[in-house]
Amino acid sequence: MLRVALIGLGSMGRNHYRVLKSLPNVEVVALCDVVKNGDFSEPFYNSVDTLLEEAEFDAALIVVPTFLHKEVALKCLGKGKDVFIEKPVASNCEEGQEILDKATSVGAKVCVGYIERFNPVVEALKAELEEKEIYSIGITRVGPFPPRIADVGILTDLAVHDIDLIRFITGQEIRQTAIFKSQKIHNHHEDNAILSFKLENEVVASITTNWLTPFRKRTIEVATKEAYYEADLMEQTLVEYSAYQKNFSYVIRKCVVKKEEPLVRELRAFVDFVKTGKENGLSTVKDSMITLRISSGEGV
């Protein structure tokens, strides 16, 4: 039985709580947030320091605002706890490196929660792309402005998902970047961006993301030598277009996708990671630092 402590019970933290409670061989033994906003049967702490002094657990899930990631992670790692940190790993690469150095020094396992890696349609798309020559990949992630997001802009909140997905899906590193952004409705940060990349082997990629669209859209389009793919991350559907003819006809195939909640798959992978050390597709701290470096405009 893996004993876990959940730190942060905002919107995403509550999702983690719901899923953790459903997993076999997992026991939520402690919760922590500055305010107890709800009824919970588990011991509740308002301070991470008190939690670490009084609670007995094996691993911590850190689901607090990004600017607190380093502080909370270092405290947990200082007690030798394995750690799951919601994306991104920290506010910047320097803080990420501190977390990585601490984890290495104490021999603790740490990973970063990029949930889209565990979307079943992403898994199906990766399988379809095996042994195929990729020409381009384009990702769209747009929707209305979420008032809960106040401490970061759209690049850190949303684009990091898709920078990570580009590397994860293609298995290739980003070599050139160009980021165009603007601030339209957010009080302090960018809320509209287009990102362009050139990867290894002449693969080109793009991300369109904003908080200006009245509806949510999450799609991936991949062009290969053999076929063209459209993936819908929300509907978890994948369509292949192939066998092109001179008369502009083509064959459409709906690929098989076994639908499941991505967070369930991600937390199962984390539990197995703690037990076996196998990363199981989880993002490493180094992965997240690469993504942070690119999203911040520092380049590659």
C-alpha atoms as a PDB file:
ATOM      1  CA  MET A   1       0.000   0.000   0.000  1.00  0.00           C
ATOM      2  CA  LEU A   2       1.462   3.355  -1.067  1.00  0.00           C
ATOM      3  CA  ARG A   3       0.782   6.114   1.467  1.00  0.00           C
ATOM      4  CA  VAL A   4       0.450   9.511  -0.183  1.00  0.00           C
ATOM      5  CA  ALA A   5       0.050  13.096   0.981  1.00  0.00           C
ATOM      6  CA  LEU A   6      -1.720  15.568  -1.280  1.00  0.00           C
ATOM      7  CA  ILE A   7      -0.525  19.163  -1.019  1.00  0.00           C
ATOM      8  CA  GLY A   8      -2.845  21.666  -2.683  1.00  0.00           C
ATOM      9  CA  LEU A   9      -6.602  21.242  -2.966  1.00  0.00           C
ATOM     10  CA  GLY A  10      -7.599  23.740  -5.592  1.00  0.00           C
ATOM     11  CA  SER A  11      -9.414  22.711  -8.742  1.00  0.00           C
ATOM     12  CA  MET A  12      -6.675  20.375  -9.991  1.00  0.00           C
ATOM     13  CA  GLY A  13      -5.833  19.177  -6.494  1.00  0.00           C
ATOM     14  CA  ARG A  14      -9.410  18.028  -5.982  1.00  0.00           C
ATOM     15  CA  ASN A  15      -9.192  16.049  -9.218  1.00  0.00           C
ATOM     16  CA  HIS A  16      -6.083  14.349  -7.885  1.00  0.00           C
ATOM     17  CA  TYR A  17      -7.878  13.620  -4.623  1.00  0.00           C
ATOM     18  CA  ARG A  18     -10.838  12.033  -6.432  1.00  0.00           C
ATOM     19  CA  VAL A  19      -8.611   9.828  -8.570  1.00  0.00           C
ATOM     20  CA  LEU A  20      -6.251   8.837  -5.751  1.00  0.00           C
ATOM     21  CA  LYS A  21      -9.226   7.678  -3.698  1.00  0.00           C
ATOM     22  CA  SER A  22     -10.248   5.370  -6.538  1.00  0.00           C
ATOM     23  CA  LEU A  23      -6.880   3.676  -7.023  1.00  0.00           C
ATOM     24  CA  PRO A  24      -6.196   0.279  -5.467  1.00  0.00           C
ATOM     25  CA  ASN A  25      -3.123  -0.063  -3.258  1.00  0.00           C
ATOM     26  CA  VAL A  26      -3.086   3.693  -2.611  1.00  0.00           C
ATOM     27  CA  GLU A  27      -4.004   5.327   0.681  1.00  0.00           C
ATOM     28  CA  VAL A  28      -4.395   9.076   1.046  1.00  0.00           C
ATOM     29  CA  VAL A  29      -3.081   9.630   4.568  1.00  0.00           C
ATOM     30  CA  ALA A  30      -2.801  13.444   4.704  1.00  0.00           C
ATOM     31  CA  LEU A  31      -4.063  16.575   2.999  1.00  0.00           C
ATOM     32  CA  CYS A  32      -2.616  20.076   3.086  1.00  0.00           C
ATOM     33  CA  ASP A  33      -3.767  23.513   1.985  1.00  0.00           C
ATOM     34  CA  VAL A  34      -3.866  26.982   3.474  1.00  0.00           C
ATOM     35  CA  VAL A  35      -7.659  26.743   3.773  1.00  0.00           C
ATOM     36  CA  LYS A  36      -9.822  23.696   4.429  1.00  0.00           C
ATOM     37  CA  ASN A  37     -12.446  24.247   1.789  1.00  0.00           C
ATOM     38  CA  GLY A  38     -14.523  21.087   2.141  1.00  0.00           C
ATOM     39  CA  ASP A  39     -15.137  18.033   4.267  1.00  0.00           C
ATOM     40  CA  PHE A  40     -12.413  15.398   4.202  1.00  0.00           C
ATOM     41  CA  SER A  41     -12.002  12.248   6.258  1.00  0.00           C
ATOM     42  CA  GLU A  42      -8.194  12.380   6.116  1.00  0.00           C
ATOM     43  CA  PRO A  43      -6.033  14.413   8.524  1.00  0.00           C
ATOM     44  CA  PHE A  44      -5.841  17.984   7.221  1.00  0.00           C
ATOM     45  CA  TYR A  45      -2.912  20.359   7.657  1.00  0.00           C
ATOM     46  CA  ASN A  46      -2.641  24.069   6.937  1.00  0.00           C
ATOM     47  CA  SER A  47       1.156  23.984   6.928  1.00  0.00           C
ATOM     48  CA  VAL A  48       3.573  21.858   4.916  1.00  0.00           C
ATOM     49  CA  ASP A  49       6.032  21.999   7.815  1.00  0.00           C
ATOM     50  CA  THR A  50       3.459  20.555  10.224  1.00  0.00           C
ATOM     51  CA  LEU A  51       2.475  17.918   7.678  1.00  0.00           C
ATOM     52  CA  LEU A  52       6.077  16.777   7.357  1.00  0.00           C
ATOM     53  CA  GLU A  53       6.550  16.715  11.117  1.00  0.00           C
ATOM     54  CA  GLU A  54       3.400  14.752  11.969  1.00  0.00           C
ATOM     55  CA  ALA A  55       2.258  12.667   8.978  1.00  0.00           C
ATOM     56  CA  GLU A  56       3.753   9.345   7.929  1.00  0.00           C
ATOM     57  CA  PHE A  57       3.708   8.855   4.163  1.00  0.00           C
ATOM     58  CA  ASP A  58       5.793   7.587   1.254  1.00  0.00           C
ATOM     59  CA  ALA A  59       5.135  10.091  -1.523  1.00  0.00           C
ATOM     60  CA  ALA A  60       3.794  13.624  -1.919  1.00  0.00           C
ATOM     61  CA  LEU A  61       1.739  15.067  -4.746  1.00  0.00           C
ATOM     62  CA  ILE A  62       2.362  18.796  -5.096  1.00  0.00           C
ATOM     63  CA  VAL A  63      -0.566  20.618  -6.718  1.00  0.00           C
ATOM     64  CA  VAL A  64       0.026  24.187  -5.533  1.00  0.00           C
ATOM     65  CA  PRO A  65       0.548  27.374  -7.609  1.00  0.00           C
ATOM     66  CA  THR A  66       3.710  27.277  -9.715  1.00  0.00           C
ATOM     67  CA  PHE A  67       5.598  29.876  -7.681  1.00  0.00           C
ATOM     68  CA  LEU A  68       5.390  27.572  -4.637  1.00  0.00           C
ATOM     69  CA  HIS A  69       6.643  24.420  -6.374  1.00  0.00           C
ATOM     70  CA  LYS A  70      10.303  24.831  -5.449  1.00  0.00           C
ATOM     71  CA  GLU A  71       9.689  25.618  -1.800  1.00  0.00           C
ATOM     72  CA  VAL A  72       7.273  22.751  -1.227  1.00  0.00           C
ATOM     73  CA  ALA A  73       9.247  20.243  -3.286  1.00  0.00           C
ATOM     74  CA  LEU A  74      12.520  20.972  -1.499  1.00  0.00           C
ATOM     75  CA  LYS A  75      10.847  20.529   1.892  1.00  0.00           C
ATOM     76  CA  CYS A  76       9.379  17.165   0.883  1.00  0.00           C
ATOM     77  CA  LEU A  77      12.592  15.985  -0.726  1.00  0.00           C
ATOM     78  CA  GLY A  78      14.463  17.079   2.385  1.00  0.00           C
ATOM     79  CA  LYS A  79      12.472  14.444   4.251  1.00  0.00           C
ATOM     80  CA  GLY A  80      13.351  11.842   1.629  1.00  0.00           C
ATOM     81  CA  LYS A  81       9.843  11.693   0.150  1.00  0.00           C
ATOM     82  CA  ASP A  82       9.211  10.737  -3.470  1.00  0.00           C
ATOM     83  CA  VAL A  83       7.466  13.582  -5.260  1.00  0.00           C
ATOM     84  CA  PHE A  84       4.996  14.214  -8.060  1.00  0.00           C
ATOM     85  CA  ILE A  85       4.889  17.898  -9.112  1.00  0.00           C
ATOM     86  CA  GLU A  86       2.146  19.279 -11.311  1.00  0.00           C
ATOM     87  CA  LYS A  87       3.522  20.966 -14.423  1.00  0.00           C
ATOM     88  CA  PRO A  88       5.687  22.918 -14.805  1.00  0.00           C
ATOM     89  CA  VAL A  89       8.360  21.720 -12.409  1.00  0.00           C
ATOM     90  CA  ALA A  90       8.947  25.273 -11.134  1.00  0.00           C
ATOM     91  CA  SER A  91       8.840  28.936 -12.143  1.00  0.00           C
ATOM     92  CA  ASN A  92      12.132  28.733 -14.028  1.00  0.00           C
ATOM     93  CA  CYS A  93      14.962  26.368 -14.924  1.00  0.00           C
ATOM     94  CA  GLU A  94      17.169  27.499 -12.045  1.00  0.00           C
ATOM     95  CA  GLU A  95      14.522  26.406  -9.544  1.00  0.00           C
ATOM     96  CA  GLY A  96      14.014  23.191 -11.484  1.00  0.00           C
ATOM     97  CA  GLN A  97      17.720  22.444 -11.206  1.00  0.00           C
ATOM     98  CA  GLU A  98      17.584  22.964  -7.443  1.00  0.00           C
ATOM     99  CA  ILE A  99      14.784  20.409  -7.214  1.00  0.00           C
ATOM    100  CA  LEU A 100      16.683  17.954  -9.401  1.00  0.00           C
ATOM    101  CA  ASP A 101      19.903  18.385  -7.392  1.00  0.00           C
ATOM    102  CA  LYS A 102      18.053  17.820  -4.113  1.00  0.00           C
ATOM    103  CA  ALA A 103      16.287  14.723  -5.406  1.00  0.00           C
ATOM    104  CA  THR A 104      19.594  13.312  -6.619  1.00  0.00           C
ATOM    105  CA  SER A 105      21.355  14.019  -3.334  1.00  0.00           C
ATOM    106  CA  VAL A 106      18.725  12.232  -1.219  1.00  0.00           C
ATOM    107  CA  GLY A 107      17.975   9.473  -3.722  1.00  0.00           C
ATOM    108  CA  ALA A 108      14.295  10.384  -4.059  1.00  0.00           C
ATOM    109  CA  LYS A 109      12.157   9.813  -7.135  1.00  0.00           C
ATOM    110  CA  VAL A 110      10.582  12.897  -8.714  1.00  0.00           C
ATOM    111  CA  CYS A 111       8.464  13.419 -11.818  1.00  0.00           C
ATOM    112  CA  VAL A 112       6.384  16.206 -13.329  1.00  0.00           C
ATOM    113  CA  GLY A 113       2.707  15.962 -14.253  1.00  0.00           C
ATOM    114  CA  TYR A 114       2.200  16.558 -17.970  1.00  0.00           C
ATOM    115  CA  ILE A 115      -1.200  14.919 -18.136  1.00  0.00           C
ATOM    116  CA  GLU A 116      -1.591  14.970 -21.924  1.00  0.00           C
ATOM    117  CA  ARG A 117       1.143  12.331 -22.225  1.00  0.00           C
ATOM    118  CA  PHE A 118      -1.438   9.974 -20.731  1.00  0.00           C
ATOM    119  CA  ASN A 119      -4.316  10.914 -22.982  1.00  0.00           C
ATOM    120  CA  PRO A 120      -5.230   7.640 -24.747  1.00  0.00           C
ATOM    121  CA  VAL A 121      -5.418   9.410 -28.104  1.00  0.00           C
ATOM    122  CA  VAL A 122      -1.798  10.533 -27.710  1.00  0.00           C
ATOM    123  CA  GLU A 123      -0.772   6.948 -27.036  1.00  0.00           C
ATOM    124  CA  ALA A 124      -2.715   5.796 -30.123  1.00  0.00           C
ATOM    125  CA  LEU A 125      -1.154   8.562 -32.246  1.00  0.00           C
ATOM    126  CA  LYS A 126       2.371   7.664 -31.132  1.00  0.00           C
ATOM    127  CA  ALA A 127       1.691   4.045 -32.074  1.00  0.00           C
ATOM    128  CA  GLU A 128       0.444   5.074 -35.512  1.00  0.00           C
ATOM    129  CA  LEU A 129       3.531   7.210 -36.114  1.00  0.00           C
ATOM    130  CA  GLU A 130       6.044   4.456 -35.387  1.00  0.00           C
ATOM    131  CA  GLU A 131       8.307   3.856 -38.396  1.00  0.00           C
ATOM    132  CA  LYS A 132       6.649   6.737 -40.293  1.00  0.00           C
ATOM    133  CA  GLU A 133       8.490   9.772 -41.600  1.00  0.00           C
ATOM    134  CA  ILE A 134       6.989  12.834 -39.901  1.00  0.00           C
ATOM    135  CA  TYR A 135       6.783  16.033 -41.952  1.00  0.00           C
ATOM    136  CA  SER A 136       4.989  18.379 -39.564  1.00  0.00           C
ATOM    137  CA  ILE A 137       2.973  18.555 -36.361  1.00  0.00           C
ATOM    138  CA  GLY A 138       0.506  21.280 -35.424  1.00  0.00           C
ATOM    139  CA  ILE A 139      -1.286  21.651 -32.093  1.00  0.00           C
ATOM    140  CA  THR A 140      -4.214  23.902 -31.227  1.00  0.00           C
ATOM    141  CA  ARG A 141      -5.119  24.529 -27.579  1.00  0.00           C
ATOM    142  CA  VAL A 142      -7.572  27.379 -27.109  1.00  0.00           C
ATOM    143  CA  GLY A 143     -10.470  28.315 -24.851  1.00  0.00           C
ATOM    144  CA  PRO A 144     -12.027  31.010 -22.684  1.00  0.00           C
ATOM    145  CA  PHE A 145     -10.011  32.725 -19.971  1.00  0.00           C
ATOM    146  CA  PRO A 146      -9.989  30.765 -16.665  1.00  0.00           C
ATOM    147  CA  PRO A 147     -10.163  33.286 -13.766  1.00  0.00           C
ATOM    148  CA  ARG A 148      -8.340  30.841 -11.472  1.00  0.00           C
ATOM    149  CA  ILE A 149      -5.109  31.401 -13.431  1.00  0.00           C
ATOM    150  CA  ALA A 150      -3.493  34.534 -11.999  1.00  0.00           C
ATOM    151  CA  ASP A 151       0.190  33.737 -11.402  1.00  0.00           C
ATOM    152  CA  VAL A 152       1.287  32.720 -14.932  1.00  0.00           C
ATOM    153  CA  GLY A 153       0.513  33.436 -18.567  1.00  0.00           C
ATOM    154  CA  ILE A 154      -0.678  31.137 -21.298  1.00  0.00           C
ATOM    155  CA  LEU A 155       2.834  30.026 -22.249  1.00  0.00           C
ATOM    156  CA  THR A 156       3.503  28.574 -18.789  1.00  0.00           C
ATOM    157  CA  ASP A 157      -0.039  27.319 -18.210  1.00  0.00           C
ATOM    158  CA  LEU A 158      -0.986  25.844 -21.591  1.00  0.00           C
ATOM    159  CA  ALA A 159       1.808  25.984 -24.153  1.00  0.00           C
ATOM    160  CA  VAL A 160       4.097  23.894 -21.957  1.00  0.00           C
ATOM    161  CA  HIS A 161       1.698  20.965 -22.468  1.00  0.00           C
ATOM    162  CA  ASP A 162       2.177  21.123 -26.201  1.00  0.00           C
ATOM    163  CA  ILE A 163       5.896  21.846 -26.296  1.00  0.00           C
ATOM    164  CA  ASP A 164       6.247  18.698 -24.217  1.00  0.00           C
ATOM    165  CA  LEU A 165       3.863  16.795 -26.517  1.00  0.00           C
ATOM    166  CA  ILE A 166       5.840  17.752 -29.615  1.00  0.00           C
ATOM    167  CA  ARG A 167       8.997  16.226 -28.134  1.00  0.00           C
ATOM    168  CA  PHE A 168       7.102  13.264 -26.673  1.00  0.00           C
ATOM    169  CA  ILE A 169       5.169  12.368 -29.837  1.00  0.00           C
ATOM    170  CA  THR A 170       7.996  12.837 -32.330  1.00  0.00           C
ATOM    171  CA  GLY A 171      10.821  11.574 -30.141  1.00  0.00           C
ATOM    172  CA  GLN A 172      12.885  14.449 -31.522  1.00  0.00           C
ATOM    173  CA  GLU A 173      14.475  17.518 -29.974  1.00  0.00           C
ATOM    174  CA  ILE A 174      13.514  21.080 -30.867  1.00  0.00           C
ATOM    175  CA  ARG A 175      16.398  22.907 -32.545  1.00  0.00           C
ATOM    176  CA  GLN A 176      14.937  26.303 -33.490  1.00  0.00           C
ATOM    177  CA  THR A 177      12.125  28.330 -31.927  1.00  0.00           C
ATOM    178  CA  ALA A 178      10.076  31.440 -32.608  1.00  0.00           C
ATOM    179  CA  ILE A 179       7.404  32.698 -30.216  1.00  0.00           C
ATOM    180  CA  PHE A 180       4.916  35.461 -30.930  1.00  0.00           C
ATOM    181  CA  LYS A 181       2.684  36.540 -28.048  1.00  0.00           C
ATOM    182  CA  SER A 182       0.345  39.306 -26.943  1.00  0.00           C
ATOM    183  CA  GLN A 183      -1.661  40.380 -23.911  1.00  0.00           C
ATOM    184  CA  LYS A 184      -5.302  41.211 -24.614  1.00  0.00           C
ATOM    185  CA  ILE A 185      -7.458  40.537 -21.546  1.00  0.00           C
ATOM    186  CA  HIS A 186      -5.166  39.157 -18.807  1.00  0.00           C
ATOM    187  CA  ASN A 187      -4.115  41.694 -16.176  1.00  0.00           C
ATOM    188  CA  HIS A 188      -0.467  40.698 -15.961  1.00  0.00           C
ATOM    189  CA  HIS A 189       0.511  38.021 -18.493  1.00  0.00           C
ATOM    190  CA  GLU A 190       0.267  37.003 -22.149  1.00  0.00           C
ATOM    191  CA  ASP A 191      -2.976  35.318 -23.162  1.00  0.00           C
ATOM    192  CA  ASN A 192      -2.459  34.814 -26.892  1.00  0.00           C
ATOM    193  CA  ALA A 193       0.464  33.079 -28.615  1.00  0.00           C
ATOM    194  CA  ILE A 194       1.681  31.298 -31.711  1.00  0.00           C
ATOM    195  CA  LEU A 195       4.845  29.215 -31.436  1.00  0.00           C
ATOM    196  CA  SER A 196       6.869  27.809 -34.323  1.00  0.00           C
ATOM    197  CA  PHE A 197       9.615  25.203 -34.163  1.00  0.00           C
ATOM    198  CA  LYS A 198      12.076  23.294 -36.286  1.00  0.00           C
ATOM    199  CA  LEU A 199      13.050  19.873 -35.002  1.00  0.00           C
ATOM    200  CA  GLU A 200      15.612  17.326 -36.032  1.00  0.00           C
ATOM    201  CA  ASN A 201      15.260  15.784 -39.520  1.00  0.00           C
ATOM    202  CA  GLU A 202      13.610  18.918 -40.945  1.00  0.00           C
ATOM    203  CA  VAL A 203      10.357  18.360 -39.015  1.00  0.00           C
ATOM    204  CA  VAL A 204       8.433  21.613 -38.495  1.00  0.00           C
ATOM    205  CA  ALA A 205       5.914  22.186 -35.711  1.00  0.00           C
ATOM    206  CA  SER A 206       3.539  24.874 -34.492  1.00  0.00           C
ATOM    207  CA  ILE A 207       1.327  25.652 -31.508  1.00  0.00           C
ATOM    208  CA  THR A 208      -1.673  27.979 -31.525  1.00  0.00           C
ATOM    209  CA  THR A 209      -2.913  28.795 -28.043  1.00  0.00           C
ATOM    210  CA  ASN A 210      -5.038  31.486 -26.432  1.00  0.00           C
ATOM    211  CA  TRP A 211      -7.573  32.404 -23.757  1.00  0.00           C
ATOM    212  CA  LEU A 212      -9.632  34.422 -26.237  1.00  0.00           C
ATOM    213  CA  THR A 213     -11.739  31.679 -27.831  1.00  0.00           C
ATOM    214  CA  PRO A 214     -15.294  31.202 -26.464  1.00  0.00           C
ATOM    215  CA  PHE A 215     -15.057  27.406 -26.769  1.00  0.00           C
ATOM    216  CA  ARG A 216     -12.405  24.851 -25.820  1.00  0.00           C
ATOM    217  CA  LYS A 217     -10.463  23.111 -28.571  1.00  0.00           C
ATOM    218  CA  ARG A 218      -7.582  20.652 -28.168  1.00  0.00           C
ATOM    219  CA  THR A 219      -6.328  19.085 -31.407  1.00  0.00           C
ATOM    220  CA  ILE A 220      -3.163  17.652 -32.915  1.00  0.00           C
ATOM    221  CA  GLU A 221      -2.550  17.322 -36.655  1.00  0.00           C
ATOM    222  CA  VAL A 222       0.408  15.362 -37.987  1.00  0.00           C
ATOM    223  CA  ALA A 223       1.520  15.078 -41.594  1.00  0.00           C
ATOM    224  CA  THR A 224       3.683  12.104 -42.508  1.00  0.00           C
ATOM    225  CA  LYS A 225       4.988  10.648 -45.749  1.00  0.00           C
ATOM    226  CA  GLU A 226       2.394   7.899 -45.534  1.00  0.00           C
ATOM    227  CA  ALA A 227      -0.700   9.565 -44.065  1.00  0.00           C
ATOM    228  CA  TYR A 228      -2.237  12.571 -42.334  1.00  0.00           C
ATOM    229  CA  TYR A 229      -3.635  12.325 -38.781  1.00  0.00           C
ATOM    230  CA  GLU A 230      -6.159  14.386 -36.842  1.00  0.00           C
ATOM    231  CA  ALA A 231      -6.397  13.791 -33.093  1.00  0.00           C
ATOM    232  CA  ASP A 232      -8.993  15.346 -30.801  1.00  0.00           C
ATOM    233  CA  LEU A 233      -7.681  15.353 -27.237  1.00  0.00           C
ATOM    234  CA  MET A 234     -11.065  16.152 -25.706  1.00  0.00           C
ATOM    235  CA  GLU A 235     -13.138  13.621 -27.634  1.00  0.00           C
ATOM    236  CA  GLN A 236     -10.244  11.119 -27.677  1.00  0.00           C
ATOM    237  CA  THR A 237     -10.708  10.388 -31.376  1.00  0.00           C
ATOM    238  CA  LEU A 238      -8.061   9.789 -34.025  1.00  0.00           C
ATOM    239  CA  VAL A 239      -8.606   9.821 -37.805  1.00  0.00           C
ATOM    240  CA  GLU A 240      -6.133   8.807 -40.506  1.00  0.00           C
ATOM    241  CA  TYR A 241      -6.309  10.135 -44.079  1.00  0.00           C
ATOM    242  CA  SER A 242      -4.253   8.137 -46.584  1.00  0.00           C
ATOM    243  CA  ALA A 243      -4.055   6.526 -50.055  1.00  0.00           C
ATOM    244  CA  TYR A 244      -4.280   9.861 -51.843  1.00  0.00           C
ATOM    245  CA  GLN A 245      -5.294   9.781 -55.512  1.00  0.00           C
ATOM    246  CA  LYS A 246      -4.829  12.280 -58.336  1.00  0.00           C
ATOM    247  CA  ASN A 247      -8.564  12.985 -58.338  1.00  0.00           C
ATOM    248  CA  PHE A 248      -8.244  14.283 -54.742  1.00  0.00           C
ATOM    249  CA  SER A 249      -9.850  11.201 -53.222  1.00  0.00           C
ATOM    250  CA  TYR A 250      -8.441   9.502 -50.154  1.00  0.00           C
ATOM    251  CA  VAL A 251      -9.147   6.784 -47.613  1.00  0.00           C
ATOM    252  CA  ILE A 252     -10.451   7.711 -44.167  1.00  0.00           C
ATOM    253  CA  ARG A 253      -9.829   5.379 -41.219  1.00  0.00           C
ATOM    254  CA  LYS A 254     -11.031   5.908 -37.684  1.00  0.00           C
ATOM    255  CA  CYS A 255      -8.233   4.580 -35.491  1.00  0.00           C
ATOM    256  CA  VAL A 256      -9.017   2.569 -32.378  1.00  0.00           C
ATOM    257  CA  VAL A 257      -8.649   4.550 -29.162  1.00  0.00           C
ATOM    258  CA  LYS A 258      -9.400   2.948 -25.797  1.00  0.00           C
ATOM    259  CA  LYS A 259     -10.916   5.886 -23.940  1.00  0.00           C
ATOM    260  CA  GLU A 260      -9.941   6.492 -20.320  1.00  0.00           C
ATOM    261  CA  GLU A 261      -9.396   9.473 -18.031  1.00  0.00           C
ATOM    262  CA  PRO A 262      -5.795  10.672 -18.528  1.00  0.00           C
ATOM    263  CA  LEU A 263      -5.312  11.553 -14.846  1.00  0.00           C
ATOM    264  CA  VAL A 264      -6.168   7.995 -13.816  1.00  0.00           C
ATOM    265  CA  ARG A 265      -3.526   6.658 -16.196  1.00  0.00           C
ATOM    266  CA  GLU A 266      -0.979   9.241 -15.067  1.00  0.00           C
ATOM    267  CA  LEU A 267      -1.377   8.567 -11.343  1.00  0.00           C
ATOM    268  CA  ARG A 268      -1.253   4.804 -11.909  1.00  0.00           C
ATOM    269  CA  ALA A 269       2.055   5.383 -13.696  1.00  0.00           C
ATOM    270  CA  PHE A 270       3.321   7.470 -10.766  1.00  0.00           C
ATOM    271  CA  VAL A 271       2.408   4.760  -8.245  1.00  0.00           C
ATOM    272  CA  ASP A 272       4.293   2.215 -10.340  1.00  0.00           C
ATOM    273  CA  PHE A 273       7.213   4.648 -10.681  1.00  0.00           C
ATOM    274  CA  VAL A 274       7.517   4.926  -6.911  1.00  0.00           C
ATOM    275  CA  LYS A 275       7.391   1.156  -6.511  1.00  0.00           C
ATOM    276  CA  THR A 276       9.611   0.093  -9.429  1.00  0.00           C
ATOM    277  CA  GLY A 277      11.551   3.156 -10.588  1.00  0.00           C
ATOM    278  CA  LYS A 278      10.171   2.761 -14.133  1.00  0.00           C
ATOM    279  CA  GLU A 279       9.242   6.153 -15.566  1.00  0.00           C
ATOM    280  CA  ASN A 280       6.388   4.712 -17.669  1.00  0.00           C
ATOM    281  CA  GLY A 281       6.189   7.767 -19.923  1.00  0.00           C
ATOM    282  CA  LEU A 282       6.209  10.259 -17.035  1.00  0.00           C
ATOM    283  CA  SER A 283       7.936  13.587 -17.613  1.00  0.00           C
ATOM    284  CA  THR A 284      11.273  13.987 -15.872  1.00  0.00           C
ATOM    285  CA  VAL A 285      12.491  17.184 -14.251  1.00  0.00           C
ATOM    286  CA  LYS A 286      14.902  17.592 -17.172  1.00  0.00           C
ATOM    287  CA  ASP A 287      12.013  17.257 -19.638  1.00  0.00           C
ATOM    288  CA  SER A 288      10.127  20.006 -17.835  1.00  0.00           C
ATOM    289  CA  MET A 289      13.203  22.231 -17.723  1.00  0.00           C
ATOM    290  CA  ILE A 290      13.603  21.914 -21.497  1.00  0.00           C
ATOM    291  CA  THR A 291       9.967  22.886 -21.922  1.00  0.00           C
ATOM    292  CA  LEU A 292      10.343  25.831 -19.530  1.00  0.00           C
ATOM    293  CA  ARG A 293      13.431  27.060 -21.327  1.00  0.00           C
ATOM    294  CA  ILE A 294      11.622  27.041 -24.666  1.00  0.00           C
ATOM    295  CA  SER A 295       8.361  28.567 -23.394  1.00  0.00           C
ATOM    296  CA  SER A 296      10.243  31.405 -21.686  1.00  0.00           C
ATOM    297  CA  GLY A 297      11.913  32.368 -24.931  1.00  0.00           C
ATOM    298  CA  GLU A 298      15.374  31.311 -23.817  1.00  0.00           C
ATOM    299  CA  GLY A 299      15.621  29.035 -26.832  1.00  0.00           C
ATOM    300  CA  VAL A 300      17.060  25.524 -26.863  1.00  0.00           C
END
